[in-house]
Structure formats: structure tokens, C-alpha cells
C-alpha atoms as a PDB file:
ATOM      1  CA  MET A   1      65.698  97.886  58.627  1.00  0.00           C
ATOM      2  CA  SER A   2      64.275  98.604  55.162  1.00  0.00           C
ATOM      3  CA  ARG A   3      63.411  95.916  52.650  1.00  0.00           C
ATOM      4  CA  ARG A   4      66.267  97.036  50.377  1.00  0.00           C
ATOM      5  CA  GLU A   5      68.766  96.858  53.213  1.00  0.00           C
ATOM      6  CA  SER A   6      67.522  93.417  54.241  1.00  0.00           C
ATOM      7  CA  SER A   7      67.897  92.187  50.667  1.00  0.00           C
ATOM      8  CA  THR A   8      71.406  93.625  50.450  1.00  0.00           C
ATOM      9  CA  LEU A   9      72.547  91.947  53.646  1.00  0.00           C
ATOM     10  CA  ASP A  10      71.051  88.575  52.753  1.00  0.00           C
ATOM     11  CA  PRO A  11      73.932  86.411  51.386  1.00  0.00           C
ATOM     12  CA  CYS A  12      71.513  84.003  49.728  1.00  0.00           C
ATOM     13  CA  PRO A  13      68.374  85.665  48.354  1.00  0.00           C
ATOM     14  CA  CYS A  14      66.436  82.484  47.641  1.00  0.00           C
ATOM     15  CA  ARG A  15      63.339  84.062  46.067  1.00  0.00           C
ATOM     16  CA  LEU A  16      61.133  81.653  47.959  1.00  0.00           C
ATOM     17  CA  ASN A  17      57.833  83.112  46.858  1.00  0.00           C
ATOM     18  CA  ASP A  18      58.779  84.961  43.687  1.00  0.00           C
ATOM     19  CA  PRO A  19      55.738  84.406  41.418  1.00  0.00           C
ATOM     20  CA  VAL A  20      57.540  85.780  38.367  1.00  0.00           C
ATOM     21  CA  ASP A  21      60.381  83.264  38.566  1.00  0.00           C
ATOM     22  CA  THR A  22      58.030  80.386  39.330  1.00  0.00           C
ATOM     23  CA  ALA A  23      55.737  81.267  36.427  1.00  0.00           C
ATOM     24  CA  ARG A  24      58.662  81.575  33.984  1.00  0.00           C
ATOM     25  CA  LEU A  25      60.103  78.239  35.039  1.00  0.00           C
ATOM     26  CA  GLY A  26      56.692  76.600  34.848  1.00  0.00           C
ATOM     27  CA  ARG A  27      56.255  77.732  31.247  1.00  0.00           C
ATOM     28  CA  ARG A  28      59.639  76.724  29.838  1.00  0.00           C
ATOM     29  CA  LEU A  29      61.628  74.353  32.014  1.00  0.00           C
ATOM     30  CA  PRO A  30      59.248  71.327  32.063  1.00  0.00           C
ATOM     31  CA  THR A  31      59.238  71.117  28.265  1.00  0.00           C
ATOM     32  CA  LEU A  32      63.024  71.011  28.069  1.00  0.00           C
ATOM     33  CA  LEU A  33      63.232  68.471  30.879  1.00  0.00           C
ATOM     34  CA  SER A  34      60.583  66.297  29.225  1.00  0.00           C
ATOM     35  CA  ILE A  35      62.723  66.125  26.066  1.00  0.00           C
ATOM     36  CA  ILE A  36      65.711  65.057  28.170  1.00  0.00           C
ATOM     37  CA  ALA A  37      63.606  62.472  30.014  1.00  0.00           C
ATOM     38  CA  GLY A  38      62.294  60.997  26.761  1.00  0.00           C
ATOM     39  CA  MET A  39      65.818  60.671  25.399  1.00  0.00           C
ATOM     40  CA  VAL A  40      67.209  59.123  28.580  1.00  0.00           C
ATOM     41  CA  ASP A  41      64.348  56.641  28.911  1.00  0.00           C
ATOM     42  CA  VAL A  42      64.558  55.401  25.312  1.00  0.00           C
ATOM     43  CA  ILE A  43      68.356  55.296  25.157  1.00  0.00           C
ATOM     44  CA  GLY A  44      68.464  53.468  28.487  1.00  0.00           C
ATOM     45  CA  PHE A  45      65.850  50.966  27.374  1.00  0.00           C
ATOM     46  CA  LEU A  46      67.476  50.257  24.012  1.00  0.00           C
ATOM     47  CA  SER A  47      71.079  50.083  25.216  1.00  0.00           C
ATOM     48  CA  LEU A  48      70.725  48.859  28.801  1.00  0.00           C
ATOM     49  CA  GLY A  49      67.353  47.087  28.868  1.00  0.00           C
ATOM     50  CA  LEU A  50      66.261  49.354  31.701  1.00  0.00           C
ATOM     51  CA  PHE A  51      63.602  52.027  32.186  1.00  0.00           C
ATOM     52  CA  THR A  52      65.621  54.855  33.682  1.00  0.00           C
ATOM     53  CA  ALA A  53      62.734  57.317  34.109  1.00  0.00           C
ATOM     54  CA  HIS A  54      59.744  54.996  34.565  1.00  0.00           C
ATOM     55  CA  VAL A  55      60.204  53.106  37.815  1.00  0.00           C
ATOM     56  CA  THR A  56      56.724  51.666  37.263  1.00  0.00           C
ATOM     57  CA  GLY A  57      57.890  50.016  34.051  1.00  0.00           C
ATOM     58  CA  ASN A  58      60.680  48.231  35.889  1.00  0.00           C
ATOM     59  CA  LEU A  59      58.251  46.952  38.526  1.00  0.00           C
ATOM     60  CA  VAL A  60      55.952  45.580  35.815  1.00  0.00           C
ATOM     61  CA  VAL A  61      58.804  43.775  34.059  1.00  0.00           C
ATOM     62  CA  ILE A  62      60.107  42.337  37.354  1.00  0.00           C
ATOM     63  CA  ALA A  63      56.668  40.997  38.276  1.00  0.00           C
ATOM     64  CA  ALA A  64      56.145  39.481  34.817  1.00  0.00           C
ATOM     65  CA  LEU A  65      59.518  37.732  34.863  1.00  0.00           C
ATOM     66  CA  LEU A  66      58.966  36.366  38.364  1.00  0.00           C
ATOM     67  CA  VAL A  67      55.592  34.905  37.417  1.00  0.00           C
ATOM     68  CA  ARG A  68      56.948  33.379  34.206  1.00  0.00           C
ATOM     69  CA  GLY A  69      59.931  31.926  36.021  1.00  0.00           C
ATOM     70  CA  GLY A  70      62.532  33.960  34.183  1.00  0.00           C
ATOM     71  CA  PRO A  71      65.395  35.607  36.076  1.00  0.00           C
ATOM     72  CA  PRO A  72      64.725  39.320  36.685  1.00  0.00           C
ATOM     73  CA  ASN A  73      67.280  41.848  35.590  1.00  0.00           C
ATOM     74  CA  MET A  74      69.231  42.859  38.697  1.00  0.00           C
ATOM     75  CA  ALA A  75      69.512  46.425  37.395  1.00  0.00           C
ATOM     76  CA  GLN A  76      65.713  46.674  37.266  1.00  0.00           C
ATOM     77  CA  ILE A  77      65.484  45.478  40.872  1.00  0.00           C
ATOM     78  CA  LEU A  78      68.142  47.920  42.051  1.00  0.00           C
ATOM     79  CA  ALA A  79      66.548  50.810  40.144  1.00  0.00           C
ATOM     80  CA  VAL A  80      63.799  51.181  42.765  1.00  0.00           C
ATOM     81  CA  PRO A  81      65.978  51.601  45.896  1.00  0.00           C
ATOM     82  CA  VAL A  82      68.530  53.626  43.918  1.00  0.00           C
ATOM     83  CA  PHE A  83      65.769  55.996  42.810  1.00  0.00           C
ATOM     84  CA  ILE A  84      64.660  56.419  46.442  1.00  0.00           C
ATOM     85  CA  VAL A  85      68.202  57.052  47.655  1.00  0.00           C
ATOM     86  CA  ALA A  86      68.828  59.541  44.836  1.00  0.00           C
ATOM     87  CA  VAL A  87      65.694  61.530  45.688  1.00  0.00           C
ATOM     88  CA  ALA A  88      66.790  61.594  49.324  1.00  0.00           C
ATOM     89  CA  ALA A  89      70.254  62.776  48.239  1.00  0.00           C
ATOM     90  CA  VAL A  90      68.716  65.619  46.225  1.00  0.00           C
ATOM     91  CA  TRP A  91      66.692  66.624  49.287  1.00  0.00           C
ATOM     92  CA  LEU A  92      69.895  66.706  51.348  1.00  0.00           C
ATOM     93  CA  ILE A  93      71.628  68.828  48.704  1.00  0.00           C
ATOM     94  CA  ALA A  94      68.695  71.244  48.735  1.00  0.00           C
ATOM     95  CA  LYS A  95      68.784  71.481  52.529  1.00  0.00           C
ATOM     96  CA  ALA A  96      72.556  71.970  52.597  1.00  0.00           C
ATOM     97  CA  SER A  97      72.371  74.727  49.979  1.00  0.00           C
ATOM     98  CA  GLU A  98      69.892  76.671  52.135  1.00  0.00           C
ATOM     99  CA  ARG A  99      67.969  77.565  48.998  1.00  0.00           C
ATOM    100  CA  ARG A 100      64.268  77.377  48.273  1.00  0.00           C
ATOM    101  CA  GLY A 101      61.988  77.452  45.251  1.00  0.00           C
ATOM    102  CA  PRO A 102      63.417  78.753  41.948  1.00  0.00           C
ATOM    103  CA  ALA A 103      66.829  79.308  43.529  1.00  0.00           C
ATOM    104  CA  LEU A 104      67.230  75.526  43.667  1.00  0.00           C
ATOM    105  CA  VAL A 105      66.867  75.062  39.919  1.00  0.00           C
ATOM    106  CA  ARG A 106      70.419  75.793  38.766  1.00  0.00           C
ATOM    107  CA  PRO A 107      72.319  73.686  41.349  1.00  0.00           C
ATOM    108  CA  LEU A 108      70.005  70.714  40.808  1.00  0.00           C
ATOM    109  CA  LEU A 109      70.211  71.058  37.031  1.00  0.00           C
ATOM    110  CA  LEU A 110      73.983  70.993  37.446  1.00  0.00           C
ATOM    111  CA  VAL A 111      73.720  67.756  39.453  1.00  0.00           C
ATOM    112  CA  GLN A 112      71.610  66.210  36.685  1.00  0.00           C
ATOM    113  CA  PHE A 113      74.104  67.324  34.040  1.00  0.00           C
ATOM    114  CA  LEU A 114      77.029  65.789  35.940  1.00  0.00           C
ATOM    115  CA  LEU A 115      75.190  62.500  36.393  1.00  0.00           C
ATOM    116  CA  LEU A 116      74.303  62.288  32.693  1.00  0.00           C
ATOM    117  CA  ALA A 117      77.876  63.168  31.769  1.00  0.00           C
ATOM    118  CA  CYS A 118      79.036  60.240  33.928  1.00  0.00           C
ATOM    119  CA  VAL A 119      76.641  57.937  32.070  1.00  0.00           C
ATOM    120  CA  LEU A 120      78.124  59.089  28.753  1.00  0.00           C
ATOM    121  CA  ILE A 121      81.653  58.430  30.013  1.00  0.00           C
ATOM    122  CA  PHE A 122      80.751  54.927  31.219  1.00  0.00           C
ATOM    123  CA  ARG A 123      78.913  54.203  27.982  1.00  0.00           C
ATOM    124  CA  VAL A 124      81.745  55.270  25.694  1.00  0.00           C
ATOM    125  CA  ILE A 125      84.636  53.788  27.680  1.00  0.00           C
ATOM    126  CA  ASN A 126      83.106  50.474  28.762  1.00  0.00           C
ATOM    127  CA  ASP A 127      80.386  49.894  26.140  1.00  0.00           C
ATOM    128  CA  PRO A 128      77.917  48.311  28.585  1.00  0.00           C
ATOM    129  CA  ALA A 129      75.538  47.487  25.718  1.00  0.00           C
ATOM    130  CA  ALA A 130      77.890  44.664  24.760  1.00  0.00           C
ATOM    131  CA  ASN A 131      76.879  43.017  28.036  1.00  0.00           C
ATOM    132  CA  PRO A 132      73.547  44.580  29.127  1.00  0.00           C
ATOM    133  CA  ARG A 133      73.530  42.621  32.395  1.00  0.00           C
ATOM    134  CA  GLY A 134      77.172  43.190  33.254  1.00  0.00           C
ATOM    135  CA  LEU A 135      78.562  45.310  36.069  1.00  0.00           C
ATOM    136  CA  MET A 136      79.400  48.344  33.928  1.00  0.00           C
ATOM    137  CA  ALA A 137      75.958  48.338  32.345  1.00  0.00           C
ATOM    138  CA  GLY A 138      74.431  48.192  35.807  1.00  0.00           C
ATOM    139  CA  VAL A 139      76.543  51.104  37.045  1.00  0.00           C
ATOM    140  CA  ALA A 140      75.646  53.213  34.012  1.00  0.00           C
ATOM    141  CA  GLY A 141      71.972  52.355  34.470  1.00  0.00           C
ATOM    142  CA  MET A 142      71.957  53.320  38.139  1.00  0.00           C
ATOM    143  CA  ILE A 143      73.603  56.658  37.387  1.00  0.00           C
ATOM    144  CA  ALA A 144      70.964  57.332  34.723  1.00  0.00           C
ATOM    145  CA  VAL A 145      68.206  56.417  37.196  1.00  0.00           C
ATOM    146  CA  SER A 146      69.767  58.836  39.687  1.00  0.00           C
ATOM    147  CA  ALA A 147      69.748  61.586  37.058  1.00  0.00           C
ATOM    148  CA  MET A 148      66.028  61.073  36.474  1.00  0.00           C
ATOM    149  CA  ALA A 149      65.366  60.984  40.214  1.00  0.00           C
ATOM    150  CA  CYS A 150      67.141  64.334  40.413  1.00  0.00           C
ATOM    151  CA  GLN A 151      64.855  65.688  37.696  1.00  0.00           C
ATOM    152  CA  PHE A 152      61.728  64.495  39.519  1.00  0.00           C
ATOM    153  CA  ALA A 153      62.853  66.023  42.802  1.00  0.00           C
ATOM    154  CA  LEU A 154      63.987  69.225  41.086  1.00  0.00           C
ATOM    155  CA  LEU A 155      60.515  69.976  39.761  1.00  0.00           C
ATOM    156  CA  ARG A 156      58.711  69.005  42.954  1.00  0.00           C
ATOM    157  CA  LEU A 157      60.985  71.219  45.047  1.00  0.00           C
ATOM    158  CA  SER A 158      61.352  74.152  42.641  1.00  0.00           C
ATOM    159  CA  VAL A 159      58.174  74.258  40.540  1.00  0.00           C
ATOM    160  CA  PRO A 160      55.643  72.050  42.374  1.00  0.00           C
ATOM    161  CA  ASP A 161      52.750  73.030  40.085  1.00  0.00           C
ATOM    162  CA  ALA A 162      54.562  71.966  36.909  1.00  0.00           C
ATOM    163  CA  PRO A 163      53.295  68.865  35.068  1.00  0.00           C
ATOM    164  CA  SER A 164      55.362  65.694  35.310  1.00  0.00           C
ATOM    165  CA  THR A 165      58.098  65.398  32.713  1.00  0.00           C
ATOM    166  CA  THR A 166      57.978  61.577  32.563  1.00  0.00           C
ATOM    167  CA  VAL A 167      54.622  60.245  33.795  1.00  0.00           C
ATOM    168  CA  MET A 168      52.774  60.599  30.508  1.00  0.00           C
ATOM    169  CA  THR A 169      49.753  58.548  31.627  1.00  0.00           C
ATOM    170  CA  ALA A 170      48.859  61.205  34.172  1.00  0.00           C
ATOM    171  CA  ASN A 171      49.607  63.960  31.680  1.00  0.00           C
ATOM    172  CA  LEU A 172      47.419  62.354  29.024  1.00  0.00           C
ATOM    173  CA  THR A 173      44.577  62.001  31.524  1.00  0.00           C
ATOM    174  CA  ASN A 174      44.905  65.649  32.522  1.00  0.00           C
ATOM    175  CA  THR A 175      45.052  66.650  28.849  1.00  0.00           C
ATOM    176  CA  VAL A 176      41.754  64.934  28.056  1.00  0.00           C
ATOM    177  CA  LEU A 177      40.050  66.404  31.128  1.00  0.00           C
ATOM    178  CA  ALA A 178      41.391  69.895  30.417  1.00  0.00           C
ATOM    179  CA  LEU A 179      40.371  69.644  26.752  1.00  0.00           C
ATOM    180  CA  LEU A 180      36.829  68.603  27.658  1.00  0.00           C
ATOM    181  CA  ASP A 181      36.562  71.414  30.195  1.00  0.00           C
ATOM    182  CA  THR A 182      37.857  73.888  27.607  1.00  0.00           C
ATOM    183  CA  LEU A 183      35.370  72.765  24.941  1.00  0.00           C
ATOM    184  CA  SER A 184      32.416  72.446  27.286  1.00  0.00           C
ATOM    185  CA  ARG A 185      29.908  75.282  27.412  1.00  0.00           C
ATOM    186  CA  ALA A 186      28.892  74.349  30.928  1.00  0.00           C
ATOM    187  CA  GLN A 187      30.710  75.257  34.112  1.00  0.00           C
ATOM    188  CA  PRO A 188      34.161  73.576  33.958  1.00  0.00           C
ATOM    189  CA  LEU A 189      34.926  70.909  36.534  1.00  0.00           C
ATOM    190  CA  THR A 190      38.402  72.349  37.146  1.00  0.00           C
ATOM    191  CA  GLU A 191      39.774  75.883  37.090  1.00  0.00           C
ATOM    192  CA  GLY A 192      42.365  77.092  34.602  1.00  0.00           C
ATOM    193  CA  ALA A 193      41.716  74.259  32.124  1.00  0.00           C
ATOM    194  CA  ASN A 194      42.871  76.202  29.059  1.00  0.00           C
ATOM    195  CA  GLU A 195      46.228  77.227  30.567  1.00  0.00           C
ATOM    196  CA  ARG A 196      46.779  73.744  31.998  1.00  0.00           C
ATOM    197  CA  LEU A 197      46.049  72.208  28.602  1.00  0.00           C
ATOM    198  CA  LYS A 198      48.739  74.335  26.937  1.00  0.00           C
ATOM    199  CA  ARG A 199      51.356  73.412  29.537  1.00  0.00           C
ATOM    200  CA  ILE A 200      50.664  69.688  29.440  1.00  0.00           C
ATOM    201  CA  LEU A 201      50.565  69.514  25.633  1.00  0.00           C
ATOM    202  CA  LYS A 202      54.062  71.029  25.524  1.00  0.00           C
ATOM    203  CA  VAL A 203      55.348  68.383  27.920  1.00  0.00           C
ATOM    204  CA  LEU A 204      53.667  65.546  25.992  1.00  0.00           C
ATOM    205  CA  ALA A 205      55.107  66.789  22.713  1.00  0.00           C
ATOM    206  CA  GLY A 206      58.523  67.260  24.302  1.00  0.00           C
ATOM    207  CA  PHE A 207      58.664  63.771  25.764  1.00  0.00           C
ATOM    208  CA  PHE A 208      57.592  62.163  22.474  1.00  0.00           C
ATOM    209  CA  ALA A 209      60.119  64.237  20.530  1.00  0.00           C
ATOM    210  CA  GLY A 210      62.805  63.184  23.007  1.00  0.00           C
ATOM    211  CA  CYS A 211      61.864  59.520  22.565  1.00  0.00           C
ATOM    212  CA  VAL A 212      62.083  59.770  18.779  1.00  0.00           C
ATOM    213  CA  ALA A 213      65.364  61.682  18.897  1.00  0.00           C
ATOM    214  CA  GLY A 214      66.807  59.191  21.388  1.00  0.00           C
ATOM    215  CA  ALA A 215      65.866  56.198  19.260  1.00  0.00           C
ATOM    216  CA  VAL A 216      67.374  57.803  16.156  1.00  0.00           C
ATOM    217  CA  ALA A 217      70.519  58.679  18.116  1.00  0.00           C
ATOM    218  CA  VAL A 218      71.001  55.072  19.239  1.00  0.00           C
ATOM    219  CA  SER A 219      70.733  53.924  15.614  1.00  0.00           C
ATOM    220  CA  LEU A 220      73.089  56.550  14.217  1.00  0.00           C
ATOM    221  CA  LEU A 221      75.475  57.385  17.042  1.00  0.00           C
ATOM    222  CA  GLY A 222      75.697  54.170  19.011  1.00  0.00           C
ATOM    223  CA  SER A 223      77.746  54.768  22.146  1.00  0.00           C
ATOM    224  CA  TRP A 224      77.552  58.529  21.682  1.00  0.00           C
ATOM    225  CA  ALA A 225      73.756  58.649  21.821  1.00  0.00           C
ATOM    226  CA  TRP A 226      74.016  59.740  25.460  1.00  0.00           C
ATOM    227  CA  SER A 227      75.680  62.934  24.283  1.00  0.00           C
ATOM    228  CA  LEU A 228      72.268  64.316  23.253  1.00  0.00           C
ATOM    229  CA  PRO A 229      70.695  64.421  26.732  1.00  0.00           C
ATOM    230  CA  VAL A 230      74.034  65.579  28.141  1.00  0.00           C
ATOM    231  CA  ALA A 231      74.061  68.502  25.696  1.00  0.00           C
ATOM    232  CA  LEU A 232      70.473  69.464  26.526  1.00  0.00           C
ATOM    233  CA  ALA A 233      71.221  69.222  30.242  1.00  0.00           C
ATOM    234  CA  ALA A 234      74.118  71.630  29.693  1.00  0.00           C
ATOM    235  CA  VAL A 235      71.765  74.005  27.866  1.00  0.00           C
ATOM    236  CA  ALA A 236      69.369  73.826  30.824  1.00  0.00           C
ATOM    237  CA  VAL A 237      72.162  74.749  33.244  1.00  0.00           C
ATOM    238  CA  ALA A 238      73.260  77.638  31.020  1.00  0.00           C
ATOM    239  CA  PHE A 239      69.819  79.183  30.614  1.00  0.00           C
ATOM    240  CA  TYR A 240      68.263  78.538  34.018  1.00  0.00           C
END
């Protein structure tokens, strides 16, 4: 059977090792997702008192409150197991879809969009910010955490070489190392420093821009601030 015939008969051409698709996604998608992550993290923190993208931040706050004797926020405690379960759910969706690599991007972006849309609905209808530790606020927070878990898993499964869209400490470290390797006249310590520097700088700038836009949106739009990441998630689904 020829390669063309095999491709024609395959009901799900998953493009497992398509370097063109992977390279294109690696150049553009992480920047857009970093903007979404910055918005979601800031809006979640300001309106729900919860880090939706930075699980580490929730662990730090929980530990500090326990040591000081203050009651920890239940949503922050639940964020860790919810994040784990959400990543596992994304893995199951990927397995059930029988897709691999870049072919996973669109369905997982759609899952993220639906989760963020649910957060917007909860936020507008129930106004969880009026009671940041109430049940509705907790539900909205857990859905937002699930959306960010989906984003993490999406990149690791679809574009594993892409820089993180939320862990800016690692990105900043890699930026400094790549910059020094690029400027150094000696043999660089790592390969591809110049290209890596460009990719990471885009993600850093995107996340910061998302944070600023999210903070402004909370001030100006109130309950509708979540519409910004929802709109960008819809754009991601449309273009990828």
C-alpha cells in the first residue's frame, strides 16, 4: 500500500511527528496561552483570592496561614487535588480521542474555552466575589484551576518543547541563561540559545501583558472581567 493510500484510509491522521506543525505551534501558541494564563491568574486572585494558575502560590499561602494560626482558604487547599484530577482528565480525553501531538491542540483548546466560559457564567450569575470563601466562589475557582490544568497538559502533550506559559520563574531563569550564552564570545553552555531567548521573551511579555489587562478588566468590568480570557480562548480555538 502506498503512503498516499495509507493516508487516505486513515480516519484520524494525527500528524504525530509533523515538524512543521510542531514548529508553528511552538512559535505562536505559547504566547497566546501565556496572555490567557496571566489574565486568569490575576482575575482569579483579585476576585476569588485564589491563584488559579500557580499551584505553588497556593501551597505557600496555605503553609503561611497554618504557621500563623489563621484558617486556610478551603479553595486553596482543594486547588491542588483538583489540578491533579484535571490533568488526569485531560490525559483521558487525549487517549479517548486517539490523537497525538499537534492534532490534540484544537480539542484541548476547546475544553479550556468551555471551562473558562463556565467560570464567566458562574461569576456573572452568582457574583462569588461578594463572598470569596462561599460555595459559588469555590466552584468558580475550581473550574478556573481546571482550565489552567488543561492548558498545562495541552502544551506538554502537544508541544512538549514549548516554554511554560505560567511558570515565569523558570522562564526568567532560562531567559538570563540564554541571554548570557547569546552575548558570550566563548562556546555557549546550551545549544540554540538565541532561538530559545526569542521564544521565552514572547511568553514573558505575554504573561505580563495578560496580568496588566486582567487587573484593568477587574477594575473596569467587574463581573465581566472573565470575558477577556474567554474571548482569547475562543480565538485560540478558531485559529488553531
